[in-house]
């Protein structure tokens, strides 16, 4: 009985020793890229219209990564980010039909380092996603909490500074096409104001404290 108790205490002590030995690494990064709300191409005929989307997006993220001697080459933690993307614009005659959006996300993060410089990062979590549709003088604001995933590759310039490039996706709803006949597909107003999916391709630079 005494031997079993001693083994139990030794196992608990070893576990706490490994946890206490874990290194917590705070970081912060700024990113720029191309991306935005997934808007279908307009279906308009015999009317003067123009449809375009800005390509610039930006984000800032911060978080914590944890290293442990139990997990060689692995780090894991939590990531918080704020992202904003360019306006998607459709102009029909003299009426503007524009989408804007932004999101705040919380994601779990896991990193595998191939060596001292290169690593691959995966993220999964949820994003509070805001979307605003402006039609002429009317504005429709919607928001939802949606699943968000991301993957990126990082390169450590030194022990503190790194660069990364990656892709993020938010799983939203389908948004109706802008048409010359709003009843063509039997769409409701809510189909136009659905919070759509978001795609973002970016590069960034970060600092590990």
C-alpha atoms as a PDB file:
ATOM      1  CA  UNK A   1       0.000   0.000   0.000  1.00  0.00           C
ATOM      2  CA  UNK A   2       2.834   2.364   0.902  1.00  0.00           C
ATOM      3  CA  UNK A   3       4.597   1.688  -2.412  1.00  0.00           C
ATOM      4  CA  UNK A   4       1.383   2.427  -4.352  1.00  0.00           C
ATOM      5  CA  UNK A   5       0.880   5.684  -2.458  1.00  0.00           C
ATOM      6  CA  UNK A   6       4.477   6.705  -3.091  1.00  0.00           C
ATOM      7  CA  UNK A   7       4.102   5.961  -6.809  1.00  0.00           C
ATOM      8  CA  UNK A   8       0.887   7.978  -6.891  1.00  0.00           C
ATOM      9  CA  UNK A   9       2.523  10.970  -5.189  1.00  0.00           C
ATOM     10  CA  UNK A  10       5.524  10.672  -7.515  1.00  0.00           C
ATOM     11  CA  UNK A  11       3.246  10.719 -10.596  1.00  0.00           C
ATOM     12  CA  UNK A  12       1.362  13.781  -9.322  1.00  0.00           C
ATOM     13  CA  UNK A  13       4.624  15.539  -8.486  1.00  0.00           C
ATOM     14  CA  UNK A  14       6.011  14.780 -11.960  1.00  0.00           C
ATOM     15  CA  UNK A  15       2.868  16.162 -13.594  1.00  0.00           C
ATOM     16  CA  UNK A  16       3.009  19.422 -11.635  1.00  0.00           C
ATOM     17  CA  UNK A  17       6.728  19.712 -12.342  1.00  0.00           C
ATOM     18  CA  UNK A  18       6.127  19.510 -16.093  1.00  0.00           C
ATOM     19  CA  UNK A  19       3.257  22.008 -15.946  1.00  0.00           C
ATOM     20  CA  UNK A  20       5.301  24.465 -13.905  1.00  0.00           C
ATOM     21  CA  UNK A  21       8.192  24.026 -16.351  1.00  0.00           C
ATOM     22  CA  UNK A  22       5.996  25.059 -19.261  1.00  0.00           C
ATOM     23  CA  UNK A  23       7.056  28.325 -20.874  1.00  0.00           C
ATOM     24  CA  UNK A  24       4.292  30.837 -21.627  1.00  0.00           C
ATOM     25  CA  UNK A  25       5.019  33.065 -24.620  1.00  0.00           C
ATOM     26  CA  UNK A  26       2.837  36.175 -25.182  1.00  0.00           C
ATOM     27  CA  UNK A  27       2.832  37.519 -28.740  1.00  0.00           C
ATOM     28  CA  UNK A  28       1.287  40.245 -30.889  1.00  0.00           C
ATOM     29  CA  UNK A  29       1.063  40.615 -34.672  1.00  0.00           C
ATOM     30  CA  UNK A  30      -0.257  42.957 -37.343  1.00  0.00           C
ATOM     31  CA  UNK A  31      -1.393  41.625 -40.715  1.00  0.00           C
ATOM     32  CA  UNK A  32      -2.401  42.962 -44.120  1.00  0.00           C
ATOM     33  CA  UNK A  33      -3.918  41.121 -47.027  1.00  0.00           C
ATOM     34  CA  UNK A  34      -6.758  40.647 -49.466  1.00  0.00           C
ATOM     35  CA  UNK A  35     -10.195  39.426 -48.499  1.00  0.00           C
ATOM     36  CA  UNK A  36     -13.737  40.215 -47.558  1.00  0.00           C
ATOM     37  CA  UNK A  37     -17.338  39.082 -47.532  1.00  0.00           C
ATOM     38  CA  UNK A  38     -18.287  36.367 -50.007  1.00  0.00           C
ATOM     39  CA  UNK A  39     -20.757  38.236 -52.263  1.00  0.00           C
ATOM     40  CA  UNK A  40     -22.215  36.592 -55.403  1.00  0.00           C
ATOM     41  CA  UNK A  41     -21.831  38.334 -58.742  1.00  0.00           C
ATOM     42  CA  UNK A  42     -24.761  40.609 -59.614  1.00  0.00           C
ATOM     43  CA  UNK A  43     -27.336  39.371 -62.140  1.00  0.00           C
ATOM     44  CA  UNK A  44     -28.339  42.551 -63.939  1.00  0.00           C
ATOM     45  CA  UNK A  45     -29.223  43.132 -67.606  1.00  0.00           C
ATOM     46  CA  UNK A  46     -30.098  46.198 -69.644  1.00  0.00           C
ATOM     47  CA  UNK A  47     -29.331  48.508 -66.701  1.00  0.00           C
ATOM     48  CA  UNK A  48     -26.196  50.557 -66.150  1.00  0.00           C
ATOM     49  CA  UNK A  49     -24.358  49.062 -63.180  1.00  0.00           C
ATOM     50  CA  UNK A  50     -20.887  48.557 -61.790  1.00  0.00           C
ATOM     51  CA  UNK A  51     -19.742  45.972 -59.248  1.00  0.00           C
ATOM     52  CA  UNK A  52     -16.358  45.863 -57.549  1.00  0.00           C
ATOM     53  CA  UNK A  53     -14.774  44.903 -54.272  1.00  0.00           C
ATOM     54  CA  UNK A  54     -11.886  46.536 -52.513  1.00  0.00           C
ATOM     55  CA  UNK A  55      -9.084  44.085 -51.903  1.00  0.00           C
ATOM     56  CA  UNK A  56      -7.407  45.447 -48.777  1.00  0.00           C
ATOM     57  CA  UNK A  57      -7.949  43.795 -45.401  1.00  0.00           C
ATOM     58  CA  UNK A  58      -6.108  44.150 -42.120  1.00  0.00           C
ATOM     59  CA  UNK A  59      -6.074  42.568 -38.694  1.00  0.00           C
ATOM     60  CA  UNK A  60      -4.305  42.646 -35.361  1.00  0.00           C
ATOM     61  CA  UNK A  61      -4.000  39.627 -33.122  1.00  0.00           C
ATOM     62  CA  UNK A  62      -2.492  38.751 -29.788  1.00  0.00           C
ATOM     63  CA  UNK A  63      -2.355  35.669 -27.632  1.00  0.00           C
ATOM     64  CA  UNK A  64      -0.409  33.181 -25.559  1.00  0.00           C
ATOM     65  CA  UNK A  65       1.507  30.088 -26.599  1.00  0.00           C
ATOM     66  CA  UNK A  66       2.642  27.444 -24.135  1.00  0.00           C
ATOM     67  CA  UNK A  67       5.675  25.219 -24.501  1.00  0.00           C
ATOM     68  CA  UNK A  68       6.164  22.038 -22.539  1.00  0.00           C
ATOM     69  CA  UNK A  69       8.917  19.458 -22.309  1.00  0.00           C
ATOM     70  CA  UNK A  70       6.178  16.852 -22.760  1.00  0.00           C
ATOM     71  CA  UNK A  71       5.374  18.157 -26.245  1.00  0.00           C
ATOM     72  CA  UNK A  72       8.538  18.480 -28.305  1.00  0.00           C
ATOM     73  CA  UNK A  73       8.142  20.930 -31.204  1.00  0.00           C
ATOM     74  CA  UNK A  74       4.542  21.691 -30.191  1.00  0.00           C
ATOM     75  CA  UNK A  75       3.050  24.858 -28.762  1.00  0.00           C
ATOM     76  CA  UNK A  76      -0.579  25.538 -27.969  1.00  0.00           C
ATOM     77  CA  UNK A  77      -2.652  28.351 -26.556  1.00  0.00           C
ATOM     78  CA  UNK A  78      -5.266  30.981 -27.333  1.00  0.00           C
ATOM     79  CA  UNK A  79      -5.486  33.732 -29.946  1.00  0.00           C
ATOM     80  CA  UNK A  80      -7.601  36.923 -29.946  1.00  0.00           C
ATOM     81  CA  UNK A  81      -7.987  39.013 -33.098  1.00  0.00           C
ATOM     82  CA  UNK A  82      -9.792  41.947 -34.690  1.00  0.00           C
ATOM     83  CA  UNK A  83     -10.209  42.015 -38.480  1.00  0.00           C
ATOM     84  CA  UNK A  84     -11.639  44.513 -40.947  1.00  0.00           C
ATOM     85  CA  UNK A  85     -12.033  44.224 -44.711  1.00  0.00           C
ATOM     86  CA  UNK A  86     -12.744  46.393 -47.718  1.00  0.00           C
ATOM     87  CA  UNK A  87     -16.183  47.491 -48.911  1.00  0.00           C
ATOM     88  CA  UNK A  88     -17.894  45.438 -51.595  1.00  0.00           C
ATOM     89  CA  UNK A  89     -19.639  47.950 -53.888  1.00  0.00           C
ATOM     90  CA  UNK A  90     -22.427  47.569 -56.422  1.00  0.00           C
ATOM     91  CA  UNK A  91     -23.816  50.655 -58.152  1.00  0.00           C
ATOM     92  CA  UNK A  92     -27.092  50.354 -60.069  1.00  0.00           C
ATOM     93  CA  UNK A  93     -27.849  53.571 -61.925  1.00  0.00           C
ATOM     94  CA  UNK A  94     -27.623  56.118 -59.076  1.00  0.00           C
ATOM     95  CA  UNK A  95     -28.154  53.671 -56.198  1.00  0.00           C
ATOM     96  CA  UNK A  96     -25.249  52.244 -54.193  1.00  0.00           C
ATOM     97  CA  UNK A  97     -25.548  48.736 -52.760  1.00  0.00           C
ATOM     98  CA  UNK A  98     -22.553  48.286 -50.433  1.00  0.00           C
ATOM     99  CA  UNK A  99     -21.420  45.670 -47.903  1.00  0.00           C
ATOM    100  CA  UNK A 100     -18.986  46.374 -45.051  1.00  0.00           C
ATOM    101  CA  UNK A 101     -17.830  44.065 -42.271  1.00  0.00           C
ATOM    102  CA  UNK A 102     -15.518  43.277 -39.403  1.00  0.00           C
ATOM    103  CA  UNK A 103     -15.080  40.550 -36.792  1.00  0.00           C
ATOM    104  CA  UNK A 104     -13.616  39.821 -33.374  1.00  0.00           C
ATOM    105  CA  UNK A 105     -12.528  36.235 -32.837  1.00  0.00           C
ATOM    106  CA  UNK A 106     -11.351  33.896 -30.100  1.00  0.00           C
ATOM    107  CA  UNK A 107      -9.543  30.777 -31.293  1.00  0.00           C
ATOM    108  CA  UNK A 108      -7.571  27.890 -29.919  1.00  0.00           C
ATOM    109  CA  UNK A 109      -4.149  27.708 -31.531  1.00  0.00           C
ATOM    110  CA  UNK A 110      -1.667  24.891 -32.111  1.00  0.00           C
ATOM    111  CA  UNK A 111       1.805  25.257 -33.630  1.00  0.00           C
ATOM    112  CA  UNK A 112       4.234  22.647 -34.874  1.00  0.00           C
ATOM    113  CA  UNK A 113       7.837  23.780 -35.439  1.00  0.00           C
ATOM    114  CA  UNK A 114       9.811  21.908 -38.077  1.00  0.00           C
ATOM    115  CA  UNK A 115      13.039  23.525 -36.876  1.00  0.00           C
ATOM    116  CA  UNK A 116      14.185  26.742 -35.166  1.00  0.00           C
ATOM    117  CA  UNK A 117      12.842  28.881 -38.013  1.00  0.00           C
ATOM    118  CA  UNK A 118       9.851  27.291 -39.743  1.00  0.00           C
ATOM    119  CA  UNK A 119       6.508  26.331 -38.250  1.00  0.00           C
ATOM    120  CA  UNK A 120       2.902  25.666 -39.211  1.00  0.00           C
ATOM    121  CA  UNK A 121      -0.038  27.043 -37.213  1.00  0.00           C
ATOM    122  CA  UNK A 122      -3.666  25.941 -37.055  1.00  0.00           C
ATOM    123  CA  UNK A 123      -6.530  27.855 -35.445  1.00  0.00           C
ATOM    124  CA  UNK A 124     -10.145  27.022 -34.679  1.00  0.00           C
ATOM    125  CA  UNK A 125     -12.755  29.012 -32.784  1.00  0.00           C
ATOM    126  CA  UNK A 126     -15.580  31.511 -33.139  1.00  0.00           C
ATOM    127  CA  UNK A 127     -15.909  35.038 -34.495  1.00  0.00           C
ATOM    128  CA  UNK A 128     -18.408  37.738 -33.574  1.00  0.00           C
ATOM    129  CA  UNK A 129     -19.036  38.875 -37.137  1.00  0.00           C
ATOM    130  CA  UNK A 130     -20.663  42.204 -37.972  1.00  0.00           C
ATOM    131  CA  UNK A 131     -22.003  43.115 -41.397  1.00  0.00           C
ATOM    132  CA  UNK A 132     -23.566  46.328 -42.660  1.00  0.00           C
ATOM    133  CA  UNK A 133     -25.507  46.690 -45.904  1.00  0.00           C
ATOM    134  CA  UNK A 134     -26.084  50.209 -47.213  1.00  0.00           C
ATOM    135  CA  UNK A 135     -28.683  50.705 -49.946  1.00  0.00           C
ATOM    136  CA  UNK A 136     -29.052  54.348 -50.858  1.00  0.00           C
ATOM    137  CA  UNK A 137     -29.898  56.090 -47.577  1.00  0.00           C
ATOM    138  CA  UNK A 138     -30.914  52.887 -45.785  1.00  0.00           C
ATOM    139  CA  UNK A 139     -28.619  50.827 -43.567  1.00  0.00           C
ATOM    140  CA  UNK A 140     -29.118  47.262 -42.374  1.00  0.00           C
ATOM    141  CA  UNK A 141     -26.840  46.019 -39.612  1.00  0.00           C
ATOM    142  CA  UNK A 142     -26.584  42.328 -38.713  1.00  0.00           C
ATOM    143  CA  UNK A 143     -24.241  40.297 -36.520  1.00  0.00           C
ATOM    144  CA  UNK A 144     -23.711  36.644 -35.664  1.00  0.00           C
ATOM    145  CA  UNK A 145     -21.267  34.409 -33.830  1.00  0.00           C
ATOM    146  CA  UNK A 146     -19.867  32.101 -36.505  1.00  0.00           C
ATOM    147  CA  UNK A 147     -17.221  29.348 -36.712  1.00  0.00           C
ATOM    148  CA  UNK A 148     -13.775  30.520 -37.819  1.00  0.00           C
ATOM    149  CA  UNK A 149     -10.721  28.525 -38.887  1.00  0.00           C
ATOM    150  CA  UNK A 150      -7.254  29.490 -40.011  1.00  0.00           C
ATOM    151  CA  UNK A 151      -3.935  28.061 -41.133  1.00  0.00           C
ATOM    152  CA  UNK A 152      -0.605  29.812 -41.563  1.00  0.00           C
ATOM    153  CA  UNK A 153       3.118  29.284 -41.963  1.00  0.00           C
ATOM    154  CA  UNK A 154       5.591  31.239 -39.836  1.00  0.00           C
ATOM    155  CA  UNK A 155       9.288  32.022 -40.101  1.00  0.00           C
ATOM    156  CA  UNK A 156      11.313  33.189 -37.100  1.00  0.00           C
ATOM    157  CA  UNK A 157      13.719  35.984 -38.041  1.00  0.00           C
ATOM    158  CA  UNK A 158      15.174  35.807 -34.540  1.00  0.00           C
ATOM    159  CA  UNK A 159      14.017  34.740 -31.072  1.00  0.00           C
ATOM    160  CA  UNK A 160      11.495  37.601 -30.906  1.00  0.00           C
ATOM    161  CA  UNK A 161      10.428  38.624 -34.412  1.00  0.00           C
ATOM    162  CA  UNK A 162       8.624  36.424 -36.911  1.00  0.00           C
ATOM    163  CA  UNK A 163       6.773  36.785 -40.196  1.00  0.00           C
ATOM    164  CA  UNK A 164       3.780  34.725 -41.259  1.00  0.00           C
ATOM    165  CA  UNK A 165       1.416  34.142 -44.131  1.00  0.00           C
ATOM    166  CA  UNK A 166      -1.920  32.406 -43.980  1.00  0.00           C
ATOM    167  CA  UNK A 167      -5.602  32.051 -44.746  1.00  0.00           C
ATOM    168  CA  UNK A 168      -8.693  32.561 -42.546  1.00  0.00           C
ATOM    169  CA  UNK A 169     -12.289  31.547 -43.246  1.00  0.00           C
ATOM    170  CA  UNK A 170     -15.516  32.373 -41.416  1.00  0.00           C
ATOM    171  CA  UNK A 171     -18.481  30.099 -42.146  1.00  0.00           C
ATOM    172  CA  UNK A 172     -21.456  32.372 -42.805  1.00  0.00           C
ATOM    173  CA  UNK A 173     -24.727  32.206 -44.737  1.00  0.00           C
ATOM    174  CA  UNK A 174     -25.363  32.662 -48.448  1.00  0.00           C
ATOM    175  CA  UNK A 175     -26.146  36.220 -49.513  1.00  0.00           C
ATOM    176  CA  UNK A 176     -28.664  36.785 -52.302  1.00  0.00           C
ATOM    177  CA  UNK A 177     -27.599  38.149 -55.659  1.00  0.00           C
ATOM    178  CA  UNK A 178     -28.262  41.774 -56.499  1.00  0.00           C
ATOM    179  CA  UNK A 179     -30.650  41.555 -59.466  1.00  0.00           C
ATOM    180  CA  UNK A 180     -32.540  43.871 -61.810  1.00  0.00           C
ATOM    181  CA  UNK A 181     -35.702  42.115 -60.640  1.00  0.00           C
ATOM    182  CA  UNK A 182     -35.707  41.631 -56.876  1.00  0.00           C
ATOM    183  CA  UNK A 183     -38.432  38.986 -57.147  1.00  0.00           C
ATOM    184  CA  UNK A 184     -36.562  36.993 -59.790  1.00  0.00           C
ATOM    185  CA  UNK A 185     -35.370  34.380 -57.297  1.00  0.00           C
ATOM    186  CA  UNK A 186     -38.101  34.947 -54.701  1.00  0.00           C
ATOM    187  CA  UNK A 187     -35.578  36.422 -52.262  1.00  0.00           C
ATOM    188  CA  UNK A 188     -36.633  38.070 -49.017  1.00  0.00           C
ATOM    189  CA  UNK A 189     -34.892  41.115 -47.550  1.00  0.00           C
ATOM    190  CA  UNK A 190     -33.270  38.846 -44.970  1.00  0.00           C
ATOM    191  CA  UNK A 191     -31.549  36.942 -47.793  1.00  0.00           C
ATOM    192  CA  UNK A 192     -29.674  40.131 -48.676  1.00  0.00           C
ATOM    193  CA  UNK A 193     -28.798  40.938 -45.071  1.00  0.00           C
ATOM    194  CA  UNK A 194     -27.575  37.442 -44.125  1.00  0.00           C
ATOM    195  CA  UNK A 195     -24.161  37.555 -42.460  1.00  0.00           C
ATOM    196  CA  UNK A 196     -22.016  36.084 -45.206  1.00  0.00           C
ATOM    197  CA  UNK A 197     -18.888  33.963 -45.202  1.00  0.00           C
ATOM    198  CA  UNK A 198     -15.551  35.769 -45.040  1.00  0.00           C
ATOM    199  CA  UNK A 199     -12.284  34.796 -46.747  1.00  0.00           C
ATOM    200  CA  UNK A 200      -8.949  36.442 -45.988  1.00  0.00           C
ATOM    201  CA  UNK A 201      -5.438  35.810 -47.334  1.00  0.00           C
ATOM    202  CA  UNK A 202      -2.724  37.729 -45.477  1.00  0.00           C
ATOM    203  CA  UNK A 203       0.889  38.281 -44.532  1.00  0.00           C
ATOM    204  CA  UNK A 204       2.017  39.698 -41.207  1.00  0.00           C
ATOM    205  CA  UNK A 205       4.792  40.429 -38.781  1.00  0.00           C
ATOM    206  CA  UNK A 206       4.726  39.553 -35.109  1.00  0.00           C
ATOM    207  CA  UNK A 207       6.672  39.936 -31.897  1.00  0.00           C
ATOM    208  CA  UNK A 208       7.123  37.296 -29.181  1.00  0.00           C
ATOM    209  CA  UNK A 209       7.645  38.902 -25.771  1.00  0.00           C
END
